[in-house]
């Protein structure tokens, strides 16, 4: 709820110019800040802070210690791991909200694209085209495969929606067991028993203390020979050293939109590991982002100005 006892109109910092969003409530003042060195106003007078998109934890947290009157932190990413380290710097009662609903379509598209590209040999064909080589033969299909989705939230469900026409079997895993409209969701603790049967393992889990390093040597060892690991979650969910070792052995393959470290530096062994397909963290960075981000910000700021409950609250300080 906007604090009407403050002696100024509520102020929101936006990483998208207000005029490019449109439809925002007139009762809030809007300042544009996309992570530059100079602030657009006094951070202490900020009520609603929309974190610059894809600018990293340092930029996200830079103004927070000075935002003494802050009420809402809104990310434009599904994950909030880049903001969580700064929560101790925030006043009591600040609501942290994520961008649920913004990235599902784009991230699910890329998860499917990475899966199909890796299975069907697209990287080999591209290299073959560059070298004028004809790599015919038989390649794996997605049809009839078992796909294990680890992290069955809104993005995981969107991935399954896109897998539905491909005649594959989907197994769902989340933090806690439950039922979904498409079938049962297994608990994270059941992974050791589920991994050996999976042909494709898709990671779409948030980065938390429980999931950091989840895909370690033991996890990878339980994957079947020839299985594919697809990561559209966060790089640190995977132990990079353990993954490089498995890729080098040729036992598994990987299609990764995120890595640890990130960006992946030149000379890193993951670049040329056998069976690795790497995209540069572009799961949410598509033409679908801005229209959905605008819709989210319009609705959240409408609710804020009207004193209504906000959507997508992850935690309150």
Protein backbone atom coordinates (compact mmCIF):
# COMPACT_ATOMS: atom_id res chain seq x y z
CA UNK A 1 0.00 0.00 0.00
CA UNK A 2 1.32 3.45 -0.83
CA UNK A 3 2.23 5.34 2.36
CA UNK A 4 0.05 8.46 2.35
CA UNK A 5 1.68 9.77 5.54
CA UNK A 6 4.88 10.63 3.64
CA UNK A 7 5.27 14.34 2.78
CA UNK A 8 5.83 13.69 -0.93
CA UNK A 9 4.01 11.95 -3.74
CA UNK A 10 5.07 8.32 -4.15
CA UNK A 11 8.07 7.99 -6.46
CA UNK A 12 8.99 5.01 -8.63
CA UNK A 13 12.32 4.34 -10.30
CA UNK A 14 11.85 2.58 -13.63
CA UNK A 15 14.44 1.04 -15.99
CA UNK A 16 12.02 1.69 -18.86
CA UNK A 17 10.91 5.30 -19.50
CA UNK A 18 7.41 5.88 -18.16
CA UNK A 19 6.25 7.20 -21.52
CA UNK A 20 7.34 3.92 -23.14
CA UNK A 21 5.22 1.94 -20.69
CA UNK A 22 2.06 4.02 -20.86
CA UNK A 23 -1.07 3.66 -18.76
CA UNK A 24 0.70 4.24 -15.44
CA UNK A 25 -1.24 5.87 -12.58
CA UNK A 26 -0.94 9.67 -12.44
CA UNK A 27 -0.66 9.68 -8.65
CA UNK A 28 2.94 8.40 -8.77
CA UNK A 29 6.04 10.28 -9.94
CA UNK A 30 8.34 8.33 -12.27
CA UNK A 31 12.10 8.59 -12.64
CA UNK A 32 14.13 6.67 -15.22
CA UNK A 33 17.20 4.76 -14.00
CA UNK A 34 18.78 1.88 -15.87
CA UNK A 35 21.89 1.40 -13.78
CA UNK A 36 23.92 4.49 -14.70
CA UNK A 37 26.40 6.12 -12.35
CA UNK A 38 24.15 9.13 -11.67
CA UNK A 39 20.87 8.66 -9.85
CA UNK A 40 17.76 10.41 -11.22
CA UNK A 41 16.74 11.64 -7.78
CA UNK A 42 17.24 11.13 -4.07
CA UNK A 43 17.16 7.38 -3.31
CA UNK A 44 15.74 8.16 0.13
CA UNK A 45 12.62 9.55 -1.56
CA UNK A 46 11.99 6.36 -3.56
CA UNK A 47 8.95 4.24 -2.76
CA UNK A 48 8.91 1.73 -5.62
CA UNK A 49 12.15 0.47 -7.17
CA UNK A 50 12.14 -1.55 -10.40
CA UNK A 51 15.54 -3.22 -10.68
CA UNK A 52 17.44 -2.67 -13.96
CA UNK A 53 17.14 -5.77 -16.10
CA UNK A 54 20.16 -8.03 -16.66
CA UNK A 55 22.61 -5.56 -15.10
CA UNK A 56 23.82 -7.85 -12.32
CA UNK A 57 23.78 -7.86 -8.53
CA UNK A 58 26.14 -4.90 -8.08
CA UNK A 59 23.90 -2.56 -10.07
CA UNK A 60 20.72 -3.97 -8.53
CA UNK A 61 21.97 -3.36 -5.01
CA UNK A 62 23.87 -0.09 -5.44
CA UNK A 63 21.07 2.34 -4.46
CA UNK A 64 19.38 0.10 -1.89
CA UNK A 65 21.29 1.20 1.25
CA UNK A 66 20.14 4.79 0.57
CA UNK A 67 16.51 3.86 -0.12
CA UNK A 68 15.40 4.39 3.45
CA UNK A 69 11.75 4.96 2.56
CA UNK A 70 11.41 2.08 0.16
CA UNK A 71 8.22 0.02 0.09
CA UNK A 72 8.57 -2.24 -2.97
CA UNK A 73 11.40 -3.83 -4.93
CA UNK A 74 10.20 -5.21 -8.27
CA UNK A 75 12.50 -7.32 -10.46
CA UNK A 76 11.99 -7.81 -14.17
CA UNK A 77 13.44 -11.31 -13.91
CA UNK A 78 11.82 -14.49 -12.66
CA UNK A 79 14.77 -15.10 -10.34
CA UNK A 80 15.57 -12.77 -7.46
CA UNK A 81 18.94 -14.23 -6.47
CA UNK A 82 20.71 -11.00 -7.54
CA UNK A 83 18.60 -9.02 -5.04
CA UNK A 84 18.47 -11.44 -2.09
CA UNK A 85 21.98 -10.58 -0.80
CA UNK A 86 20.83 -6.98 -0.34
CA UNK A 87 17.69 -7.68 1.70
CA UNK A 88 19.48 -6.94 4.97
CA UNK A 89 20.05 -3.38 3.73
CA UNK A 90 16.32 -2.72 3.30
CA UNK A 91 13.88 -1.18 5.79
CA UNK A 92 11.44 -3.49 7.52
CA UNK A 93 8.29 -4.26 5.55
CA UNK A 94 9.67 -3.91 2.01
CA UNK A 95 7.97 -6.28 -0.42
CA UNK A 96 10.17 -8.05 -2.97
CA UNK A 97 8.25 -9.05 -6.11
CA UNK A 98 9.46 -11.03 -9.12
CA UNK A 99 8.42 -11.00 -12.78
CA UNK A 100 6.31 -14.13 -12.86
CA UNK A 101 4.39 -14.08 -16.15
CA UNK A 102 7.02 -12.11 -18.09
CA UNK A 103 9.53 -14.78 -19.08
CA UNK A 104 7.59 -18.03 -19.29
CA UNK A 105 6.98 -17.94 -23.06
CA UNK A 106 10.52 -16.95 -24.07
CA UNK A 107 12.33 -19.22 -21.65
CA UNK A 108 10.16 -22.21 -22.52
CA UNK A 109 10.75 -21.58 -26.22
CA UNK A 110 14.50 -21.61 -25.69
CA UNK A 111 14.40 -24.73 -23.52
CA UNK A 112 12.61 -26.52 -26.35
CA UNK A 113 14.94 -25.04 -28.99
CA UNK A 114 18.07 -26.10 -27.09
CA UNK A 115 16.66 -29.58 -26.56
CA UNK A 116 15.75 -30.09 -30.21
CA UNK A 117 18.96 -28.52 -31.50
CA UNK A 118 21.14 -30.74 -29.34
CA UNK A 119 19.22 -33.94 -30.00
CA UNK A 120 18.92 -33.42 -33.76
CA UNK A 121 22.57 -32.43 -34.25
CA UNK A 122 22.06 -28.81 -35.29
CA UNK A 123 25.47 -27.61 -33.99
CA UNK A 124 27.17 -30.31 -36.09
CA UNK A 125 25.17 -29.28 -39.15
CA UNK A 126 26.12 -25.62 -38.72
CA UNK A 127 29.80 -26.50 -38.43
CA UNK A 128 29.39 -28.81 -41.40
CA UNK A 129 27.88 -26.02 -43.47
CA UNK A 130 30.80 -23.75 -42.61
CA UNK A 131 33.21 -26.48 -43.69
CA UNK A 132 31.05 -27.62 -46.67
CA UNK A 133 30.66 -31.08 -45.10
CA UNK A 134 27.54 -33.28 -45.38
CA UNK A 135 26.80 -34.96 -42.02
CA UNK A 136 23.95 -37.32 -42.84
CA UNK A 137 22.92 -40.29 -40.71
CA UNK A 138 20.49 -41.12 -37.90
CA UNK A 139 20.03 -38.69 -35.01
CA UNK A 140 18.01 -38.86 -31.77
CA UNK A 141 14.42 -37.60 -31.83
CA UNK A 142 12.55 -35.99 -28.98
CA UNK A 143 9.62 -38.31 -29.66
CA UNK A 144 9.41 -41.22 -27.21
CA UNK A 145 11.97 -39.66 -24.86
CA UNK A 146 11.48 -39.21 -21.10
CA UNK A 147 11.93 -35.55 -20.11
CA UNK A 148 12.49 -34.68 -16.45
CA UNK A 149 11.69 -31.05 -15.58
CA UNK A 150 13.47 -29.98 -12.39
CA UNK A 151 11.79 -26.83 -11.12
CA UNK A 152 8.12 -27.14 -11.95
CA UNK A 153 6.94 -23.59 -11.38
CA UNK A 154 5.36 -21.34 -13.98
CA UNK A 155 8.34 -21.66 -16.34
CA UNK A 156 8.51 -25.43 -15.88
CA UNK A 157 4.80 -25.68 -16.67
CA UNK A 158 5.28 -23.51 -19.77
CA UNK A 159 8.06 -25.85 -20.90
CA UNK A 160 5.74 -28.83 -20.55
CA UNK A 161 3.05 -26.98 -22.54
CA UNK A 162 5.50 -26.72 -25.44
CA UNK A 163 6.65 -30.32 -25.08
CA UNK A 164 3.08 -31.63 -25.26
CA UNK A 165 2.91 -32.05 -29.09
CA UNK A 166 6.27 -33.87 -29.27
CA UNK A 167 5.08 -37.29 -28.08
CA UNK A 168 7.46 -37.48 -25.13
CA UNK A 169 6.85 -38.45 -21.51
CA UNK A 170 7.26 -35.65 -18.94
CA UNK A 171 8.17 -36.14 -15.29
CA UNK A 172 7.84 -33.11 -13.00
CA UNK A 173 9.93 -32.19 -9.95
CA UNK A 174 9.51 -29.26 -7.55
CA UNK A 175 10.58 -28.45 -4.01
CA UNK A 176 7.52 -30.20 -2.60
CA UNK A 177 5.32 -32.94 -4.01
CA UNK A 178 1.89 -31.90 -5.25
CA UNK A 179 -0.53 -32.43 -8.11
CA UNK A 180 -0.67 -30.29 -11.23
CA UNK A 181 -3.31 -30.12 -13.99
CA UNK A 182 -1.02 -32.33 -16.11
CA UNK A 183 -0.22 -34.88 -13.42
CA UNK A 184 1.83 -35.52 -10.27
CA UNK A 185 4.77 -33.35 -9.28
CA UNK A 186 7.53 -35.17 -7.40
CA UNK A 187 9.52 -33.72 -4.50
CA UNK A 188 13.14 -32.68 -4.97
CA UNK A 189 14.19 -35.48 -2.65
CA UNK A 190 12.96 -38.04 -5.20
CA UNK A 191 15.51 -36.96 -7.83
CA UNK A 192 18.02 -39.77 -7.19
CA UNK A 193 15.38 -42.34 -8.09
CA UNK A 194 14.07 -40.40 -11.10
CA UNK A 195 17.31 -39.40 -12.82
CA UNK A 196 18.37 -42.84 -14.19
CA UNK A 197 15.24 -43.09 -16.38
CA UNK A 198 15.43 -39.59 -17.90
CA UNK A 199 16.67 -39.04 -21.46
CA UNK A 200 16.51 -35.26 -21.06
CA UNK A 201 16.82 -33.31 -17.78
CA UNK A 202 15.63 -29.69 -18.00
CA UNK A 203 16.60 -27.32 -15.17
CA UNK A 204 14.17 -24.45 -14.59
CA UNK A 205 14.51 -24.10 -10.84
CA UNK A 206 15.24 -20.83 -9.04
CA UNK A 207 18.69 -20.39 -7.52
CA UNK A 208 18.41 -20.88 -3.76
CA UNK A 209 20.63 -22.34 -1.10
CA UNK A 210 18.84 -25.65 -1.70
CA UNK A 211 19.51 -25.64 -5.46
CA UNK A 212 22.99 -24.12 -5.59
CA UNK A 213 25.26 -26.92 -6.81
CA UNK A 214 22.29 -29.27 -7.09
CA UNK A 215 23.70 -30.78 -10.27
CA UNK A 216 26.94 -32.11 -8.84
CA UNK A 217 29.06 -35.16 -9.65
CA UNK A 218 26.61 -37.50 -7.89
CA UNK A 219 23.61 -36.02 -9.78
CA UNK A 220 25.39 -36.35 -13.13
CA UNK A 221 26.54 -39.88 -12.34
CA UNK A 222 22.89 -40.92 -11.91
CA UNK A 223 21.97 -39.64 -15.38
CA UNK A 224 21.84 -42.38 -18.00
CA UNK A 225 24.51 -42.71 -20.65
CA UNK A 226 23.77 -40.38 -23.55
CA UNK A 227 21.32 -38.22 -21.56
CA UNK A 228 21.01 -34.50 -22.24
CA UNK A 229 21.15 -31.80 -19.53
CA UNK A 230 19.37 -28.54 -20.45
CA UNK A 231 19.88 -25.55 -18.14
CA UNK A 232 17.62 -22.50 -18.48
CA UNK A 233 17.72 -21.82 -14.73
CA UNK A 234 20.89 -20.27 -13.27
CA UNK A 235 24.50 -21.24 -13.84
CA UNK A 236 25.37 -22.01 -10.20
CA UNK A 237 22.67 -24.69 -10.08
CA UNK A 238 25.28 -26.81 -11.88
CA UNK A 239 28.77 -27.66 -10.63
CA UNK A 240 30.70 -26.59 -13.74
CA UNK A 241 33.76 -28.69 -12.98
CA UNK A 242 31.71 -31.83 -12.56
CA UNK A 243 29.82 -31.10 -15.79
CA UNK A 244 33.01 -30.51 -17.79
CA UNK A 245 34.33 -33.86 -16.52
CA UNK A 246 31.20 -35.72 -17.65
CA UNK A 247 31.12 -33.94 -21.01
CA UNK A 248 34.79 -34.69 -21.60
CA UNK A 249 34.11 -38.37 -20.96
CA UNK A 250 31.40 -38.27 -23.64
CA UNK A 251 28.87 -39.91 -21.34
CA UNK A 252 26.34 -37.04 -21.29
CA UNK A 253 25.61 -33.91 -23.31
CA UNK A 254 24.51 -30.44 -22.25
CA UNK A 255 22.62 -27.49 -23.74
CA UNK A 256 23.15 -24.43 -21.55
CA UNK A 257 21.65 -20.94 -21.61
CA UNK A 258 23.39 -20.12 -18.32
CA UNK A 259 26.85 -20.93 -17.02
CA UNK A 260 29.00 -20.50 -13.95
CA UNK A 261 30.99 -18.27 -14.32
CA UNK A 262 28.94 -15.94 -16.49
CA UNK A 263 29.73 -14.54 -18.97
CA UNK A 264 31.84 -17.58 -19.75
CA UNK A 265 35.42 -16.27 -20.17
CA UNK A 266 37.57 -16.99 -23.18
CA UNK A 267 39.64 -20.12 -22.71
CA UNK A 268 37.19 -21.79 -20.34
CA UNK A 269 37.06 -25.56 -20.98
CA UNK A 270 33.27 -25.53 -21.19
CA UNK A 271 33.42 -23.65 -24.51
CA UNK A 272 34.87 -26.64 -26.34
CA UNK A 273 33.67 -29.52 -24.16
CA UNK A 274 32.34 -32.38 -26.31
CA UNK A 275 28.56 -32.38 -26.57
CA UNK A 276 28.09 -28.85 -25.19
CA UNK A 277 25.74 -26.31 -26.80
CA UNK A 278 25.90 -22.85 -25.21
CA UNK A 279 23.67 -19.80 -25.66
CA UNK A 280 24.55 -16.50 -23.90
CA UNK A 281 21.77 -16.25 -21.26
CA UNK A 282 19.08 -15.11 -23.67
CA UNK A 283 16.18 -17.14 -22.31
CA UNK A 284 14.15 -14.06 -21.46
CA UNK A 285 15.78 -11.53 -23.78
CA UNK A 286 13.40 -11.64 -26.73
CA UNK A 287 10.77 -9.52 -28.42
CA UNK A 288 8.26 -11.04 -25.98
CA UNK A 289 9.94 -9.37 -22.99
CA UNK A 290 8.97 -5.72 -23.33
CA UNK A 291 5.19 -6.14 -23.91
CA UNK A 292 4.94 -8.44 -20.88
CA UNK A 293 7.18 -6.23 -18.74
CA UNK A 294 4.98 -3.23 -19.55
CA UNK A 295 1.84 -5.15 -18.57
CA UNK A 296 3.41 -6.24 -15.28
CA UNK A 297 4.56 -2.73 -14.34
CA UNK A 298 1.24 -1.14 -15.24
CA UNK A 299 -0.64 -3.61 -13.06
CA UNK A 300 1.79 -3.57 -10.13
CA UNK A 301 1.90 0.24 -10.01
CA UNK A 302 -1.87 0.44 -10.37
CA UNK A 303 -2.20 -1.87 -7.37
CA UNK A 304 0.44 0.07 -5.45
CA UNK A 305 -1.22 3.42 -6.07
CA UNK A 306 -4.65 2.01 -5.16
CA UNK A 307 -3.40 0.41 -1.94
CA UNK A 308 -4.21 -3.10 -3.22
CA UNK A 309 -2.24 -6.29 -2.65
CA UNK A 310 0.67 -6.66 -5.06
CA UNK A 311 1.19 -9.72 -7.26
CA UNK A 312 4.25 -11.97 -7.26
CA UNK A 313 5.44 -11.19 -3.72
CA UNK A 314 8.45 -13.42 -3.00
CA UNK A 315 9.22 -12.17 0.50
CA UNK A 316 8.76 -9.24 2.85
CA UNK A 317 11.64 -7.87 4.88
